[in-house]
Amino acid sequence: MTKMDLTGAIWHKSGYSSNGGDSCVEVAFNLPGIVAVRDSKDSGGPILSFTEAEWIVFTTGVRSGHYDTP
């Protein structure tokens, strides 16, 4: 596994994240060929990365309720 160069990442906090909340997600869209996702409370922690196509499939599924629990 290789380490990603995220020095140029511009992180954006999710509009669903709230101050003091437990779920704070940040996403960087400006990296060539990938979308990076991290926990804003642990900015030095693990990063998930998606291709742009994977990100579109994932976010489309979220918006449609595909991942909602019954």
PDB file of N, CA and C in Angstrom:
ATOM      1  N   MET A   1       0.856  -1.168   0.000  1.00  0.00           N
ATOM      2  CA  MET A   1       0.000   0.000   0.000  1.00  0.00           C
ATOM      3  C   MET A   1       0.903   1.233   0.000  1.00  0.00           C
ATOM      4  N   THR A   2       0.608   2.188  -0.872  1.00  0.00           N
ATOM      5  CA  THR A   2       1.402   3.408  -0.923  1.00  0.00           C
ATOM      6  C   THR A   2       0.666   4.534  -0.219  1.00  0.00           C
ATOM      7  N   LYS A   3       1.442   5.457   0.315  1.00  0.00           N
ATOM      8  CA  LYS A   3       0.859   6.598   0.999  1.00  0.00           C
ATOM      9  C   LYS A   3       0.482   7.667  -0.019  1.00  0.00           C
ATOM     10  N   MET A   4      -0.709   8.224   0.103  1.00  0.00           N
ATOM     11  CA  MET A   4      -1.169   9.275  -0.798  1.00  0.00           C
ATOM     12  C   MET A   4      -0.546  10.604  -0.402  1.00  0.00           C
ATOM     13  N   ASP A   5      -0.236  11.429  -1.387  1.00  0.00           N
ATOM     14  CA  ASP A   5       0.235  12.779  -1.125  1.00  0.00           C
ATOM     15  C   ASP A   5      -0.984  13.684  -1.009  1.00  0.00           C
ATOM     16  N   LEU A   6      -1.284  14.085   0.205  1.00  0.00           N
ATOM     17  CA  LEU A   6      -2.464  14.912   0.460  1.00  0.00           C
ATOM     18  C   LEU A   6      -2.099  16.346   0.826  1.00  0.00           C
ATOM     19  N   THR A   7      -0.852  16.743   0.542  1.00  0.00           N
ATOM     20  CA  THR A   7      -0.409  18.087   0.937  1.00  0.00           C
ATOM     21  C   THR A   7      -1.237  19.191   0.290  1.00  0.00           C
ATOM     22  N   GLY A   8      -1.772  18.965  -0.894  1.00  0.00           N
ATOM     23  CA  GLY A   8      -2.575  19.986  -1.570  1.00  0.00           C
ATOM     24  C   GLY A   8      -4.065  19.839  -1.355  1.00  0.00           C
ATOM     25  N   ALA A   9      -4.472  18.919  -0.485  1.00  0.00           N
ATOM     26  CA  ALA A   9      -5.904  18.662  -0.275  1.00  0.00           C
ATOM     27  C   ALA A   9      -6.595  19.879   0.325  1.00  0.00           C
ATOM     28  N   ILE A  10      -7.732  20.215  -0.242  1.00  0.00           N
ATOM     29  CA  ILE A  10      -8.587  21.262   0.319  1.00  0.00           C
ATOM     30  C   ILE A  10      -9.802  20.555   0.896  1.00  0.00           C
ATOM     31  N   TRP A  11      -9.873  20.516   2.221  1.00  0.00           N
ATOM     32  CA  TRP A  11     -10.900  19.746   2.915  1.00  0.00           C
ATOM     33  C   TRP A  11     -12.166  20.573   3.118  1.00  0.00           C
ATOM     34  N   HIS A  12     -13.311  19.939   2.893  1.00  0.00           N
ATOM     35  CA  HIS A  12     -14.621  20.557   3.086  1.00  0.00           C
ATOM     36  C   HIS A  12     -15.413  19.705   4.064  1.00  0.00           C
ATOM     37  N   LYS A  13     -15.937  20.340   5.106  1.00  0.00           N
ATOM     38  CA  LYS A  13     -16.737  19.610   6.098  1.00  0.00           C
ATOM     39  C   LYS A  13     -18.145  19.378   5.560  1.00  0.00           C
ATOM     40  N   SER A  14     -18.670  18.218   5.838  1.00  0.00           N
ATOM     41  CA  SER A  14     -20.022  17.874   5.424  1.00  0.00           C
ATOM     42  C   SER A  14     -21.029  18.866   5.996  1.00  0.00           C
ATOM     43  N   GLY A  15     -22.017  19.202   5.202  1.00  0.00           N
ATOM     44  CA  GLY A  15     -23.095  20.066   5.675  1.00  0.00           C
ATOM     45  C   GLY A  15     -23.937  19.400   6.750  1.00  0.00           C
ATOM     46  N   TYR A  16     -23.820  18.080   6.883  1.00  0.00           N
ATOM     47  CA  TYR A  16     -24.561  17.346   7.897  1.00  0.00           C
ATOM     48  C   TYR A  16     -23.795  17.244   9.209  1.00  0.00           C
ATOM     49  N   SER A  17     -22.547  17.687   9.217  1.00  0.00           N
ATOM     50  CA  SER A  17     -21.761  17.680  10.444  1.00  0.00           C
ATOM     51  C   SER A  17     -22.166  18.883  11.274  1.00  0.00           C
ATOM     52  N   SER A  18     -22.247  18.685  12.584  1.00  0.00           N
ATOM     53  CA  SER A  18     -22.627  19.797  13.451  1.00  0.00           C
ATOM     54  C   SER A  18     -21.537  20.042  14.476  1.00  0.00           C
ATOM     55  N   ASN A  19     -21.470  21.257  14.955  1.00  0.00           N
ATOM     56  CA  ASN A  19     -20.493  21.576  15.997  1.00  0.00           C
ATOM     57  C   ASN A  19     -20.810  20.762  17.237  1.00  0.00           C
ATOM     58  N   GLY A  20     -19.800  20.066  17.754  1.00  0.00           N
ATOM     59  CA  GLY A  20     -19.982  19.247  18.938  1.00  0.00           C
ATOM     60  C   GLY A  20     -20.599  17.896  18.661  1.00  0.00           C
ATOM     61  N   GLY A  21     -20.938  17.609  17.420  1.00  0.00           N
ATOM     62  CA  GLY A  21     -21.538  16.324  17.080  1.00  0.00           C
ATOM     63  C   GLY A  21     -20.504  15.220  17.011  1.00  0.00           C
ATOM     64  N   ASP A  22     -20.968  13.983  16.994  1.00  0.00           N
ATOM     65  CA  ASP A  22     -20.061  12.850  16.933  1.00  0.00           C
ATOM     66  C   ASP A  22     -19.647  12.503  15.505  1.00  0.00           C
ATOM     67  N   SER A  23     -20.399  12.940  14.521  1.00  0.00           N
ATOM     68  CA  SER A  23     -20.108  12.579  13.137  1.00  0.00           C
ATOM     69  C   SER A  23     -19.670  13.805  12.355  1.00  0.00           C
ATOM     70  N   CYS A  24     -18.384  13.901  12.110  1.00  0.00           N
ATOM     71  CA  CYS A  24     -17.848  15.020  11.343  1.00  0.00           C
ATOM     72  C   CYS A  24     -16.976  14.460  10.228  1.00  0.00           C
ATOM     73  N   VAL A  25     -17.443  14.619   9.010  1.00  0.00           N
ATOM     74  CA  VAL A  25     -16.746  14.085   7.851  1.00  0.00           C
ATOM     75  C   VAL A  25     -16.247  15.241   7.004  1.00  0.00           C
ATOM     76  N   GLU A  26     -15.002  15.116   6.521  1.00  0.00           N
ATOM     77  CA  GLU A  26     -14.451  16.091   5.590  1.00  0.00           C
ATOM     78  C   GLU A  26     -14.076  15.372   4.303  1.00  0.00           C
ATOM     79  N   VAL A  27     -14.271  16.067   3.177  1.00  0.00           N
ATOM     80  CA  VAL A  27     -14.001  15.487   1.867  1.00  0.00           C
ATOM     81  C   VAL A  27     -13.118  16.452   1.087  1.00  0.00           C
ATOM     82  N   ALA A  28     -12.136  15.896   0.365  1.00  0.00           N
ATOM     83  CA  ALA A  28     -11.294  16.685  -0.535  1.00  0.00           C
ATOM     84  C   ALA A  28     -11.564  16.216  -1.961  1.00  0.00           C
ATOM     85  N   PHE A  29     -12.045  17.138  -2.791  1.00  0.00           N
ATOM     86  CA  PHE A  29     -12.386  16.830  -4.182  1.00  0.00           C
ATOM     87  C   PHE A  29     -11.307  17.276  -5.164  1.00  0.00           C
ATOM     88  N   ASN A  30     -10.311  18.017  -4.708  1.00  0.00           N
ATOM     89  CA  ASN A  30      -9.372  18.670  -5.626  1.00  0.00           C
ATOM     90  C   ASN A  30      -8.135  17.845  -5.968  1.00  0.00           C
ATOM     91  N   LEU A  31      -8.078  16.602  -5.560  1.00  0.00           N
ATOM     92  CA  LEU A  31      -6.907  15.768  -5.820  1.00  0.00           C
ATOM     93  C   LEU A  31      -7.080  15.021  -7.138  1.00  0.00           C
ATOM     94  N   PRO A  32      -6.037  14.955  -7.947  1.00  0.00           N
ATOM     95  CA  PRO A  32      -6.158  14.318  -9.267  1.00  0.00           C
ATOM     96  C   PRO A  32      -6.583  12.848  -9.178  1.00  0.00           C
ATOM     97  N   GLY A  33      -7.759  12.541  -9.735  1.00  0.00           N
ATOM     98  CA  GLY A  33      -8.215  11.164  -9.848  1.00  0.00           C
ATOM     99  C   GLY A  33      -8.808  10.533  -8.611  1.00  0.00           C
ATOM    100  N   ILE A  34      -8.808  11.245  -7.461  1.00  0.00           N
ATOM    101  CA  ILE A  34      -9.374  10.641  -6.251  1.00  0.00           C
ATOM    102  C   ILE A  34     -10.230  11.637  -5.484  1.00  0.00           C
ATOM    103  N   VAL A  35     -11.095  11.086  -4.654  1.00  0.00           N
ATOM    104  CA  VAL A  35     -11.842  11.848  -3.662  1.00  0.00           C
ATOM    105  C   VAL A  35     -11.414  11.269  -2.326  1.00  0.00           C
ATOM    106  N   ALA A  36     -10.917  12.113  -1.425  1.00  0.00           N
ATOM    107  CA  ALA A  36     -10.427  11.656  -0.125  1.00  0.00           C
ATOM    108  C   ALA A  36     -11.427  12.040   0.959  1.00  0.00           C
ATOM    109  N   VAL A  37     -11.586  11.156   1.944  1.00  0.00           N
ATOM    110  CA  VAL A  37     -12.549  11.356   3.028  1.00  0.00           C
ATOM    111  C   VAL A  37     -11.844  11.074   4.344  1.00  0.00           C
ATOM    112  N   ARG A  38     -12.084  11.934   5.342  1.00  0.00           N
ATOM    113  CA  ARG A  38     -11.480  11.732   6.664  1.00  0.00           C
ATOM    114  C   ARG A  38     -12.435  12.192   7.759  1.00  0.00           C
ATOM    115  N   ASP A  39     -12.101  11.801   8.979  1.00  0.00           N
ATOM    116  CA  ASP A  39     -12.807  12.233  10.182  1.00  0.00           C
ATOM    117  C   ASP A  39     -12.203  13.571  10.599  1.00  0.00           C
ATOM    118  N   SER A  40     -13.003  14.618  10.653  1.00  0.00           N
ATOM    119  CA  SER A  40     -12.467  15.942  10.971  1.00  0.00           C
ATOM    120  C   SER A  40     -11.909  16.033  12.385  1.00  0.00           C
ATOM    121  N   LYS A  41     -12.348  15.151  13.277  1.00  0.00           N
ATOM    122  CA  LYS A  41     -11.837  15.157  14.643  1.00  0.00           C
ATOM    123  C   LYS A  41     -10.485  14.459  14.749  1.00  0.00           C
ATOM    124  N   ASP A  42     -10.068  13.777  13.699  1.00  0.00           N
ATOM    125  CA  ASP A  42      -8.788  13.057  13.675  1.00  0.00           C
ATOM    126  C   ASP A  42      -8.119  13.301  12.327  1.00  0.00           C
ATOM    127  N   SER A  43      -7.735  14.556  12.077  1.00  0.00           N
ATOM    128  CA  SER A  43      -7.223  14.924  10.755  1.00  0.00           C
ATOM    129  C   SER A  43      -5.923  14.210  10.384  1.00  0.00           C
ATOM    130  N   GLY A  44      -5.219  13.658  11.362  1.00  0.00           N
ATOM    131  CA  GLY A  44      -4.011  12.894  11.075  1.00  0.00           C
ATOM    132  C   GLY A  44      -4.260  11.400  10.989  1.00  0.00           C
ATOM    133  N   GLY A  45      -5.508  11.009  11.120  1.00  0.00           N
ATOM    134  CA  GLY A  45      -5.866   9.592  11.126  1.00  0.00           C
ATOM    135  C   GLY A  45      -6.053   9.025   9.732  1.00  0.00           C
ATOM    136  N   PRO A  46      -6.705   7.893   9.652  1.00  0.00           N
ATOM    137  CA  PRO A  46      -6.893   7.199   8.381  1.00  0.00           C
ATOM    138  C   PRO A  46      -7.707   8.031   7.375  1.00  0.00           C
ATOM    139  N   ILE A  47      -7.410   7.821   6.110  1.00  0.00           N
ATOM    140  CA  ILE A  47      -8.106   8.486   5.012  1.00  0.00           C
ATOM    141  C   ILE A  47      -8.701   7.405   4.107  1.00  0.00           C
ATOM    142  N   LEU A  48      -9.959   7.562   3.751  1.00  0.00           N
ATOM    143  CA  LEU A  48     -10.562   6.709   2.731  1.00  0.00           C
ATOM    144  C   LEU A  48     -10.386   7.413   1.398  1.00  0.00           C
ATOM    145  N   SER A  49     -10.111   6.652   0.359  1.00  0.00           N
ATOM    146  CA  SER A  49     -10.019   7.267  -0.962  1.00  0.00           C
ATOM    147  C   SER A  49     -10.884   6.500  -1.943  1.00  0.00           C
ATOM    148  N   PHE A  50     -11.506   7.258  -2.835  1.00  0.00           N
ATOM    149  CA  PHE A  50     -12.395   6.716  -3.852  1.00  0.00           C
ATOM    150  C   PHE A  50     -11.969   7.283  -5.200  1.00  0.00           C
ATOM    151  N   THR A  51     -12.185   6.536  -6.269  1.00  0.00           N
ATOM    152  CA  THR A  51     -12.091   7.152  -7.585  1.00  0.00           C
ATOM    153  C   THR A  51     -13.307   8.063  -7.704  1.00  0.00           C
ATOM    154  N   GLU A  52     -13.286   8.961  -8.670  1.00  0.00           N
ATOM    155  CA  GLU A  52     -14.439   9.840  -8.856  1.00  0.00           C
ATOM    156  C   GLU A  52     -15.694   9.035  -9.189  1.00  0.00           C
ATOM    157  N   ALA A  53     -15.550   7.985  -9.990  1.00  0.00           N
ATOM    158  CA  ALA A  53     -16.700   7.142 -10.342  1.00  0.00           C
ATOM    159  C   ALA A  53     -17.242   6.415  -9.112  1.00  0.00           C
ATOM    160  N   GLU A  54     -16.360   5.892  -8.265  1.00  0.00           N
ATOM    161  CA  GLU A  54     -16.802   5.217  -7.040  1.00  0.00           C
ATOM    162  C   GLU A  54     -17.536   6.188  -6.128  1.00  0.00           C
ATOM    163  N   TRP A  55     -17.040   7.411  -6.029  1.00  0.00           N
ATOM    164  CA  TRP A  55     -17.667   8.417  -5.174  1.00  0.00           C
ATOM    165  C   TRP A  55     -19.080   8.735  -5.660  1.00  0.00           C
ATOM    166  N   ILE A  56     -19.245   8.854  -6.960  1.00  0.00           N
ATOM    167  CA  ILE A  56     -20.565   9.131  -7.522  1.00  0.00           C
ATOM    168  C   ILE A  56     -21.529   7.991  -7.213  1.00  0.00           C
ATOM    169  N   VAL A  57     -21.091   6.755  -7.383  1.00  0.00           N
ATOM    170  CA  VAL A  57     -21.941   5.599  -7.076  1.00  0.00           C
ATOM    171  C   VAL A  57     -22.304   5.590  -5.588  1.00  0.00           C
ATOM    172  N   PHE A  58     -21.315   5.824  -4.719  1.00  0.00           N
ATOM    173  CA  PHE A  58     -21.557   5.824  -3.274  1.00  0.00           C
ATOM    174  C   PHE A  58     -22.542   6.923  -2.876  1.00  0.00           C
ATOM    175  N   THR A  59     -22.296   8.169  -3.302  1.00  0.00           N
ATOM    176  CA  THR A  59     -23.166   9.269  -2.897  1.00  0.00           C
ATOM    177  C   THR A  59     -24.567   9.152  -3.497  1.00  0.00           C
ATOM    178  N   THR A  60     -24.671   8.583  -4.696  1.00  0.00           N
ATOM    179  CA  THR A  60     -25.987   8.333  -5.283  1.00  0.00           C
ATOM    180  C   THR A  60     -26.754   7.325  -4.437  1.00  0.00           C
ATOM    181  N   GLY A  61     -26.056   6.275  -3.968  1.00  0.00           N
ATOM    182  CA  GLY A  61     -26.689   5.287  -3.093  1.00  0.00           C
ATOM    183  C   GLY A  61     -27.132   5.873  -1.772  1.00  0.00           C
ATOM    184  N   VAL A  62     -26.310   6.756  -1.205  1.00  0.00           N
ATOM    185  CA  VAL A  62     -26.673   7.404   0.059  1.00  0.00           C
ATOM    186  C   VAL A  62     -27.928   8.250  -0.131  1.00  0.00           C
ATOM    187  N   ARG A  63     -27.926   9.053  -1.184  1.00  0.00           N
ATOM    188  CA  ARG A  63     -29.080   9.945  -1.426  1.00  0.00           C
ATOM    189  C   ARG A  63     -30.368   9.163  -1.679  1.00  0.00           C
ATOM    190  N   SER A  64     -30.256   7.994  -2.286  1.00  0.00           N
ATOM    191  CA  SER A  64     -31.464   7.211  -2.599  1.00  0.00           C
ATOM    192  C   SER A  64     -31.932   6.368  -1.431  1.00  0.00           C
ATOM    193  N   GLY A  65     -31.160   6.345  -0.316  1.00  0.00           N
ATOM    194  CA  GLY A  65     -31.550   5.554   0.849  1.00  0.00           C
ATOM    195  C   GLY A  65     -31.080   4.123   0.804  1.00  0.00           C
ATOM    196  N   HIS A  66     -30.236   3.782  -0.166  1.00  0.00           N
ATOM    197  CA  HIS A  66     -29.759   2.415  -0.334  1.00  0.00           C
ATOM    198  C   HIS A  66     -29.079   1.861   0.921  1.00  0.00           C
ATOM    199  N   TYR A  67     -28.409   2.714   1.676  1.00  0.00           N
ATOM    200  CA  TYR A  67     -27.655   2.254   2.852  1.00  0.00           C
ATOM    201  C   TYR A  67     -28.399   2.466   4.167  1.00  0.00           C
ATOM    202  N   ASP A  68     -29.636   2.954   4.097  1.00  0.00           N
ATOM    203  CA  ASP A  68     -30.423   3.142   5.321  1.00  0.00           C
ATOM    204  C   ASP A  68     -30.722   1.795   5.962  1.00  0.00           C
ATOM    205  N   THR A  69     -30.732   1.778   7.273  1.00  0.00           N
ATOM    206  CA  THR A  69     -31.072   0.531   7.965  1.00  0.00           C
ATOM    207  C   THR A  69     -32.594   0.401   8.016  1.00  0.00           C
ATOM    208  N   PRO A  70     -33.075  -0.839   7.898  1.00  0.00           N
ATOM    209  CA  PRO A  70     -34.532  -1.048   7.886  1.00  0.00           C
ATOM    210  C   PRO A  70     -35.146  -0.796   9.242  1.00  0.00           C
TER     211      PRO A  70
END
